[in-house]
Amino acid sequence: MLLPALESHHFYVYLLTSPYQTSGGCCQLPDAHAIAESRLNEKQLSLARTVLIEDRFVIYDPKTEEYFIIDWFKDNPPMGEKHRLGVIMQIDKIVSKRVRGAALFELERLCPVKLKDESEVLPFKSGIHNTAIVRNAGSLKRSQ
């Protein structure tokens, strides 16, 4: 990965590691916070972001100030079904349809849901067969 400007590389690392980043690879980051925390000035931030967008490192929505790190799930896939649900919950918090859609599309593309074989699925065992109603189903009397 070669980024043409030092500022672009600096901002990319900041996006990857900032406290705003989520397990879904997307975050809402106002410019004022990015400038204050990354120590880039407004012009440097704008240039860095433009380079990252044009070189397809991030997707950005200026209206909502939300980012998605492209290829996030190559290095940060969900580690299980519960983790995957948590990732989806994080992505669902994103307001931008474009950013949210990109994150969900990449999640499905790189980390598709793994369906279990029928042999792996345990049969459903209900405890209803062991209730008073079922045990006394043949009689019309209620148990007292």
N, C-alpha and C. Protein backbone atom coordinates (compact mmCIF):
# COMPACT_ATOMS: atom_id res chain seq x y z
N MET A 1 0.85 -1.16 0.00
CA MET A 1 0.00 0.00 0.00
C MET A 1 0.91 1.23 0.00
N LEU A 2 0.91 1.97 -1.10
CA LEU A 2 1.69 3.19 -1.18
C LEU A 2 0.75 4.38 -1.28
N LEU A 3 0.83 5.25 -0.32
CA LEU A 3 0.04 6.46 -0.34
C LEU A 3 0.96 7.60 -0.73
N PRO A 4 0.53 8.46 -1.66
CA PRO A 4 1.44 9.47 -2.22
C PRO A 4 1.87 10.56 -1.25
N ALA A 5 1.11 10.84 -0.24
CA ALA A 5 1.47 11.93 0.67
C ALA A 5 1.59 11.40 2.09
N LEU A 6 2.55 11.96 2.80
CA LEU A 6 2.72 11.57 4.19
C LEU A 6 1.44 11.84 4.99
N GLU A 7 0.77 12.94 4.69
CA GLU A 7 -0.48 13.27 5.38
C GLU A 7 -1.54 12.21 5.14
N SER A 8 -1.60 11.68 3.93
CA SER A 8 -2.58 10.64 3.61
C SER A 8 -2.33 9.39 4.43
N HIS A 9 -1.08 9.00 4.51
CA HIS A 9 -0.73 7.82 5.30
C HIS A 9 -1.04 8.06 6.78
N HIS A 10 -0.67 9.21 7.25
CA HIS A 10 -0.93 9.58 8.65
C HIS A 10 -2.44 9.54 8.96
N PHE A 11 -3.23 10.12 8.07
CA PHE A 11 -4.68 10.16 8.29
C PHE A 11 -5.28 8.76 8.18
N TYR A 12 -4.78 7.95 7.27
CA TYR A 12 -5.28 6.58 7.12
C TYR A 12 -5.02 5.77 8.40
N VAL A 13 -3.82 5.87 8.94
CA VAL A 13 -3.51 5.16 10.19
C VAL A 13 -4.40 5.70 11.31
N TYR A 14 -4.62 7.00 11.31
CA TYR A 14 -5.51 7.57 12.33
C TYR A 14 -6.92 6.98 12.20
N LEU A 15 -7.45 6.90 10.97
CA LEU A 15 -8.79 6.33 10.77
C LEU A 15 -8.85 4.87 11.23
N LEU A 16 -7.81 4.12 10.98
CA LEU A 16 -7.77 2.71 11.37
C LEU A 16 -7.76 2.53 12.88
N THR A 17 -7.13 3.47 13.59
CA THR A 17 -6.87 3.25 15.01
C THR A 17 -7.57 4.25 15.94
N SER A 18 -8.33 5.15 15.39
CA SER A 18 -8.94 6.19 16.23
C SER A 18 -9.97 5.60 17.18
N PRO A 19 -10.25 6.30 18.27
CA PRO A 19 -11.28 5.82 19.20
C PRO A 19 -12.69 5.85 18.60
N TYR A 20 -12.84 6.47 17.46
CA TYR A 20 -14.15 6.53 16.80
C TYR A 20 -14.41 5.29 15.95
N GLN A 21 -13.34 4.55 15.62
CA GLN A 21 -13.47 3.39 14.74
C GLN A 21 -14.28 2.30 15.45
N THR A 22 -15.05 1.55 14.66
CA THR A 22 -15.88 0.47 15.19
C THR A 22 -15.48 -0.86 14.59
N SER A 23 -16.06 -1.93 15.09
CA SER A 23 -15.78 -3.26 14.56
C SER A 23 -16.36 -3.44 13.16
N GLY A 24 -17.17 -2.50 12.72
CA GLY A 24 -17.73 -2.55 11.37
C GLY A 24 -16.89 -1.80 10.35
N GLY A 25 -15.77 -1.21 10.78
CA GLY A 25 -14.90 -0.50 9.85
C GLY A 25 -15.42 0.86 9.45
N CYS A 26 -16.46 1.32 10.11
CA CYS A 26 -17.02 2.62 9.76
C CYS A 26 -17.20 3.45 11.02
N CYS A 27 -17.12 4.75 10.81
CA CYS A 27 -17.24 5.65 11.96
C CYS A 27 -17.70 7.03 11.50
N GLN A 28 -18.20 7.77 12.45
CA GLN A 28 -18.57 9.17 12.23
C GLN A 28 -17.47 9.99 12.86
N LEU A 29 -16.82 10.83 12.07
CA LEU A 29 -15.68 11.60 12.55
C LEU A 29 -15.76 13.02 12.01
N PRO A 30 -16.22 13.96 12.83
CA PRO A 30 -16.27 15.35 12.40
C PRO A 30 -14.87 15.89 12.10
N ASP A 31 -14.77 16.77 11.12
CA ASP A 31 -13.48 17.34 10.75
C ASP A 31 -12.79 17.99 11.94
N ALA A 32 -13.54 18.68 12.77
CA ALA A 32 -12.93 19.36 13.93
C ALA A 32 -12.21 18.37 14.83
N HIS A 33 -12.79 17.19 15.04
CA HIS A 33 -12.15 16.16 15.86
C HIS A 33 -10.93 15.60 15.15
N ALA A 34 -11.06 15.36 13.86
CA ALA A 34 -9.94 14.81 13.09
C ALA A 34 -8.76 15.77 13.09
N ILE A 35 -9.04 17.06 12.94
CA ILE A 35 -7.97 18.06 12.93
C ILE A 35 -7.30 18.13 14.29
N ALA A 36 -8.09 18.18 15.35
CA ALA A 36 -7.54 18.30 16.69
C ALA A 36 -6.73 17.06 17.09
N GLU A 37 -7.22 15.88 16.76
CA GLU A 37 -6.59 14.65 17.23
C GLU A 37 -5.48 14.13 16.33
N SER A 38 -5.61 14.35 15.03
CA SER A 38 -4.58 13.85 14.12
C SER A 38 -3.46 14.87 13.92
N ARG A 39 -3.70 16.09 14.37
CA ARG A 39 -2.74 17.19 14.24
C ARG A 39 -2.47 17.59 12.80
N LEU A 40 -3.41 17.29 11.93
CA LEU A 40 -3.37 17.81 10.57
C LEU A 40 -4.14 19.13 10.56
N ASN A 41 -3.75 20.04 9.68
CA ASN A 41 -4.57 21.25 9.55
C ASN A 41 -5.69 20.98 8.55
N GLU A 42 -6.56 21.94 8.38
CA GLU A 42 -7.74 21.74 7.53
C GLU A 42 -7.36 21.40 6.08
N LYS A 43 -6.36 22.09 5.55
CA LYS A 43 -5.92 21.83 4.17
C LYS A 43 -5.29 20.44 4.05
N GLN A 44 -4.46 20.06 5.02
CA GLN A 44 -3.84 18.74 4.99
C GLN A 44 -4.89 17.63 5.09
N LEU A 45 -5.88 17.84 5.97
CA LEU A 45 -6.95 16.85 6.13
C LEU A 45 -7.72 16.69 4.83
N SER A 46 -8.06 17.80 4.21
CA SER A 46 -8.81 17.75 2.95
C SER A 46 -8.02 17.02 1.86
N LEU A 47 -6.73 17.33 1.74
CA LEU A 47 -5.88 16.66 0.75
C LEU A 47 -5.76 15.18 1.05
N ALA A 48 -5.50 14.85 2.31
CA ALA A 48 -5.35 13.44 2.71
C ALA A 48 -6.61 12.65 2.42
N ARG A 49 -7.76 13.23 2.76
CA ARG A 49 -9.03 12.54 2.52
C ARG A 49 -9.27 12.34 1.03
N THR A 50 -8.97 13.36 0.23
CA THR A 50 -9.16 13.25 -1.22
C THR A 50 -8.31 12.12 -1.79
N VAL A 51 -7.06 12.03 -1.36
CA VAL A 51 -6.17 10.96 -1.83
C VAL A 51 -6.73 9.60 -1.42
N LEU A 52 -7.19 9.46 -0.18
CA LEU A 52 -7.72 8.18 0.30
C LEU A 52 -8.99 7.77 -0.44
N ILE A 53 -9.82 8.75 -0.79
CA ILE A 53 -11.04 8.45 -1.54
C ILE A 53 -10.70 8.04 -2.97
N GLU A 54 -9.85 8.84 -3.63
CA GLU A 54 -9.50 8.57 -5.03
C GLU A 54 -8.75 7.25 -5.19
N ASP A 55 -7.92 6.90 -4.22
CA ASP A 55 -7.17 5.65 -4.28
C ASP A 55 -7.91 4.46 -3.69
N ARG A 56 -9.18 4.67 -3.36
CA ARG A 56 -10.08 3.62 -2.89
C ARG A 56 -9.61 2.97 -1.58
N PHE A 57 -9.19 3.80 -0.65
CA PHE A 57 -8.88 3.32 0.70
C PHE A 57 -10.08 3.53 1.62
N VAL A 58 -10.87 4.57 1.36
CA VAL A 58 -12.03 4.87 2.18
C VAL A 58 -13.20 5.32 1.32
N ILE A 59 -14.37 5.18 1.90
CA ILE A 59 -15.59 5.78 1.35
C ILE A 59 -15.99 6.82 2.39
N TYR A 60 -16.36 8.00 1.92
CA TYR A 60 -16.65 9.11 2.82
C TYR A 60 -17.92 9.81 2.36
N ASP A 61 -18.75 10.17 3.33
CA ASP A 61 -19.95 10.97 3.05
C ASP A 61 -19.78 12.31 3.76
N PRO A 62 -19.60 13.39 2.99
CA PRO A 62 -19.37 14.70 3.61
C PRO A 62 -20.57 15.23 4.38
N LYS A 63 -21.77 14.81 4.01
CA LYS A 63 -22.97 15.30 4.72
C LYS A 63 -23.03 14.79 6.15
N THR A 64 -22.65 13.54 6.35
CA THR A 64 -22.73 12.94 7.68
C THR A 64 -21.35 12.81 8.34
N GLU A 65 -20.29 13.09 7.59
CA GLU A 65 -18.91 12.97 8.06
C GLU A 65 -18.62 11.55 8.55
N GLU A 66 -19.08 10.58 7.76
CA GLU A 66 -18.88 9.16 8.09
C GLU A 66 -17.93 8.52 7.09
N TYR A 67 -17.12 7.62 7.59
CA TYR A 67 -16.12 6.92 6.80
C TYR A 67 -16.34 5.42 6.87
N PHE A 68 -15.93 4.74 5.80
CA PHE A 68 -15.81 3.28 5.82
C PHE A 68 -14.45 2.93 5.25
N ILE A 69 -13.71 2.08 5.94
CA ILE A 69 -12.40 1.62 5.49
C ILE A 69 -12.61 0.46 4.52
N ILE A 70 -12.27 0.68 3.26
CA ILE A 70 -12.43 -0.37 2.24
C ILE A 70 -11.48 -1.53 2.58
N ASP A 71 -11.97 -2.74 2.43
CA ASP A 71 -11.26 -3.99 2.74
C ASP A 71 -11.06 -4.20 4.24
N TRP A 72 -11.84 -3.52 5.05
CA TRP A 72 -11.76 -3.67 6.51
C TRP A 72 -11.90 -5.14 6.93
N PHE A 73 -12.83 -5.85 6.31
CA PHE A 73 -13.13 -7.21 6.75
C PHE A 73 -12.11 -8.24 6.26
N LYS A 74 -11.19 -7.85 5.39
CA LYS A 74 -10.11 -8.76 5.03
C LYS A 74 -9.20 -9.00 6.24
N ASP A 75 -8.99 -7.94 7.00
CA ASP A 75 -8.11 -8.04 8.17
C ASP A 75 -8.86 -8.15 9.49
N ASN A 76 -10.15 -7.81 9.48
CA ASN A 76 -10.93 -7.76 10.71
C ASN A 76 -12.28 -8.48 10.55
N PRO A 77 -12.27 -9.75 10.17
CA PRO A 77 -13.55 -10.43 9.98
C PRO A 77 -14.20 -10.73 11.34
N PRO A 78 -15.52 -10.85 11.34
CA PRO A 78 -16.19 -11.26 12.58
C PRO A 78 -15.69 -12.65 12.99
N MET A 79 -15.53 -12.85 14.28
CA MET A 79 -14.97 -14.10 14.78
C MET A 79 -16.02 -15.14 15.14
N GLY A 80 -17.25 -14.86 14.89
CA GLY A 80 -18.33 -15.79 15.18
C GLY A 80 -19.66 -15.13 14.87
N GLU A 81 -20.72 -15.89 15.00
CA GLU A 81 -22.05 -15.36 14.63
C GLU A 81 -22.48 -14.21 15.55
N LYS A 82 -22.21 -14.31 16.84
CA LYS A 82 -22.58 -13.22 17.74
C LYS A 82 -21.76 -11.96 17.43
N HIS A 83 -20.49 -12.15 17.15
CA HIS A 83 -19.64 -11.02 16.78
C HIS A 83 -20.17 -10.39 15.48
N ARG A 84 -20.56 -11.23 14.54
CA ARG A 84 -21.10 -10.73 13.26
C ARG A 84 -22.36 -9.89 13.51
N LEU A 85 -23.23 -10.35 14.40
CA LEU A 85 -24.44 -9.57 14.73
C LEU A 85 -24.07 -8.23 15.36
N GLY A 86 -23.05 -8.23 16.20
CA GLY A 86 -22.58 -6.99 16.79
C GLY A 86 -22.02 -6.03 15.75
N VAL A 87 -21.30 -6.59 14.77
CA VAL A 87 -20.76 -5.78 13.67
C VAL A 87 -21.91 -5.16 12.88
N ILE A 88 -22.92 -5.94 12.59
CA ILE A 88 -24.08 -5.43 11.84
C ILE A 88 -24.78 -4.34 12.64
N MET A 89 -24.87 -4.50 13.94
CA MET A 89 -25.49 -3.46 14.78
C MET A 89 -24.68 -2.16 14.71
N GLN A 90 -23.36 -2.28 14.70
CA GLN A 90 -22.51 -1.08 14.58
C GLN A 90 -22.72 -0.41 13.22
N ILE A 91 -22.77 -1.21 12.17
CA ILE A 91 -22.96 -0.66 10.82
C ILE A 91 -24.32 0.00 10.70
N ASP A 92 -25.33 -0.60 11.30
CA ASP A 92 -26.69 -0.04 11.23
C ASP A 92 -26.81 1.33 11.88
N LYS A 93 -25.86 1.69 12.74
CA LYS A 93 -25.89 3.02 13.38
C LYS A 93 -25.44 4.13 12.43
N ILE A 94 -24.82 3.74 11.31
CA ILE A 94 -24.33 4.73 10.34
C ILE A 94 -25.52 5.35 9.61
N VAL A 95 -25.54 6.66 9.55
CA VAL A 95 -26.66 7.40 8.94
C VAL A 95 -26.59 7.37 7.42
N SER A 96 -25.39 7.51 6.88
CA SER A 96 -25.20 7.58 5.43
C SER A 96 -25.56 6.25 4.76
N LYS A 97 -26.48 6.30 3.84
CA LYS A 97 -26.85 5.08 3.11
C LYS A 97 -25.67 4.54 2.31
N ARG A 98 -24.89 5.45 1.76
CA ARG A 98 -23.75 5.04 0.93
C ARG A 98 -22.69 4.32 1.77
N VAL A 99 -22.34 4.90 2.89
CA VAL A 99 -21.32 4.30 3.76
C VAL A 99 -21.84 3.00 4.37
N ARG A 100 -23.06 3.02 4.87
CA ARG A 100 -23.66 1.82 5.47
C ARG A 100 -23.77 0.70 4.43
N GLY A 101 -24.23 1.05 3.23
CA GLY A 101 -24.38 0.05 2.16
C GLY A 101 -23.05 -0.57 1.77
N ALA A 102 -22.00 0.25 1.69
CA ALA A 102 -20.68 -0.27 1.33
C ALA A 102 -20.17 -1.24 2.39
N ALA A 103 -20.38 -0.88 3.65
CA ALA A 103 -19.92 -1.75 4.74
C ALA A 103 -20.67 -3.08 4.74
N LEU A 104 -21.99 -3.02 4.59
CA LEU A 104 -22.78 -4.26 4.58
C LEU A 104 -22.46 -5.12 3.36
N PHE A 105 -22.26 -4.47 2.20
CA PHE A 105 -21.93 -5.21 0.99
C PHE A 105 -20.59 -5.93 1.17
N GLU A 106 -19.61 -5.22 1.71
CA GLU A 106 -18.30 -5.84 1.90
C GLU A 106 -18.35 -6.97 2.93
N LEU A 107 -19.12 -6.78 3.99
CA LEU A 107 -19.27 -7.83 4.99
C LEU A 107 -19.82 -9.10 4.33
N GLU A 108 -20.86 -8.95 3.52
CA GLU A 108 -21.46 -10.11 2.85
C GLU A 108 -20.51 -10.72 1.81
N ARG A 109 -19.76 -9.89 1.13
CA ARG A 109 -18.84 -10.36 0.08
C ARG A 109 -17.65 -11.10 0.68
N LEU A 110 -17.06 -10.54 1.72
CA LEU A 110 -15.84 -11.12 2.27
C LEU A 110 -16.09 -12.11 3.42
N CYS A 111 -17.23 -11.98 4.07
CA CYS A 111 -17.53 -12.83 5.24
C CYS A 111 -18.97 -13.33 5.15
N PRO A 112 -19.28 -14.14 4.15
CA PRO A 112 -20.66 -14.59 4.01
C PRO A 112 -21.09 -15.46 5.19
N VAL A 113 -22.38 -15.47 5.43
CA VAL A 113 -22.94 -16.30 6.50
C VAL A 113 -22.68 -17.75 6.16
N LYS A 114 -22.17 -18.49 7.13
CA LYS A 114 -21.91 -19.91 6.91
C LYS A 114 -23.10 -20.69 7.44
N LEU A 115 -23.81 -21.35 6.54
CA LEU A 115 -24.94 -22.17 6.96
C LEU A 115 -24.42 -23.51 7.43
N LYS A 116 -24.99 -23.99 8.50
CA LYS A 116 -24.56 -25.27 9.04
C LYS A 116 -25.14 -26.41 8.21
N ASP A 117 -24.39 -27.48 8.13
CA ASP A 117 -24.91 -28.70 7.51
C ASP A 117 -26.05 -29.20 8.37
N GLU A 118 -26.98 -29.93 7.74
CA GLU A 118 -28.08 -30.50 8.51
C GLU A 118 -27.55 -31.45 9.58
N SER A 119 -26.42 -32.09 9.31
CA SER A 119 -25.85 -33.01 10.29
C SER A 119 -25.34 -32.27 11.52
N GLU A 120 -24.98 -30.96 11.36
CA GLU A 120 -24.49 -30.18 12.48
C GLU A 120 -25.61 -29.56 13.31
N VAL A 121 -26.79 -29.48 12.73
CA VAL A 121 -27.90 -28.83 13.41
C VAL A 121 -28.50 -29.80 14.42
N LEU A 122 -28.57 -29.37 15.65
CA LEU A 122 -29.15 -30.22 16.69
C LEU A 122 -30.67 -30.21 16.59
N PRO A 123 -31.31 -31.34 16.82
CA PRO A 123 -32.77 -31.35 16.76
C PRO A 123 -33.34 -30.50 17.89
N PHE A 124 -34.45 -29.86 17.61
CA PHE A 124 -35.12 -29.02 18.60
C PHE A 124 -35.75 -29.93 19.65
N LYS A 125 -35.46 -29.65 20.90
CA LYS A 125 -36.03 -30.44 21.98
C LYS A 125 -36.86 -29.52 22.85
N SER A 126 -38.11 -29.68 22.76
CA SER A 126 -39.01 -28.88 23.57
C SER A 126 -39.32 -29.62 24.86
N GLY A 127 -39.53 -28.89 25.93
CA GLY A 127 -39.89 -29.50 27.20
C GLY A 127 -41.39 -29.67 27.36
N ILE A 128 -42.16 -29.35 26.30
CA ILE A 128 -43.62 -29.38 26.40
C ILE A 128 -44.15 -30.80 26.63
N HIS A 129 -43.44 -31.80 26.16
CA HIS A 129 -43.91 -33.19 26.33
C HIS A 129 -43.93 -33.61 27.80
N ASN A 130 -43.23 -32.85 28.61
CA ASN A 130 -43.14 -33.22 30.01
C ASN A 130 -43.95 -32.27 30.91
N THR A 131 -45.01 -31.69 30.36
CA THR A 131 -45.86 -30.81 31.16
C THR A 131 -47.13 -31.54 31.55
N ALA A 132 -47.80 -31.06 32.58
CA ALA A 132 -49.02 -31.70 33.08
C ALA A 132 -50.10 -31.73 32.01
N ILE A 133 -50.20 -30.71 31.23
CA ILE A 133 -51.24 -30.66 30.19
C ILE A 133 -51.05 -31.79 29.18
N VAL A 134 -49.84 -32.00 28.73
CA VAL A 134 -49.58 -33.04 27.74
C VAL A 134 -49.67 -34.43 28.37
N ARG A 135 -49.14 -34.59 29.56
CA ARG A 135 -49.20 -35.90 30.23
C ARG A 135 -50.65 -36.31 30.47
N ASN A 136 -51.52 -35.38 30.75
CA ASN A 136 -52.93 -35.69 31.03
C ASN A 136 -53.82 -35.38 29.85
N ALA A 137 -53.28 -35.40 28.67
CA ALA A 137 -54.06 -35.03 27.49
C ALA A 137 -55.22 -35.98 27.24
N GLY A 138 -55.09 -37.23 27.64
CA GLY A 138 -56.17 -38.19 27.41
C GLY A 138 -57.34 -38.01 28.35
N SER A 139 -57.15 -37.35 29.46
CA SER A 139 -58.26 -37.18 30.39
C SER A 139 -58.80 -35.76 30.28
N LEU A 140 -60.06 -35.62 30.56
CA LEU A 140 -60.69 -34.32 30.51
C LEU A 140 -60.65 -33.62 31.85
N LYS A 141 -60.20 -34.35 32.87
CA LYS A 141 -60.14 -33.76 34.20
C LYS A 141 -58.86 -32.93 34.35
N ARG A 142 -59.04 -31.85 35.10
CA ARG A 142 -57.86 -31.07 35.45
C ARG A 142 -57.20 -31.70 36.65
N SER A 143 -55.89 -31.62 36.69
CA SER A 143 -55.22 -32.11 37.88
C SER A 143 -55.40 -31.09 38.99
N GLN A 144 -55.61 -31.58 40.20
CA GLN A 144 -55.88 -30.66 41.31
C GLN A 144 -54.76 -30.58 42.26
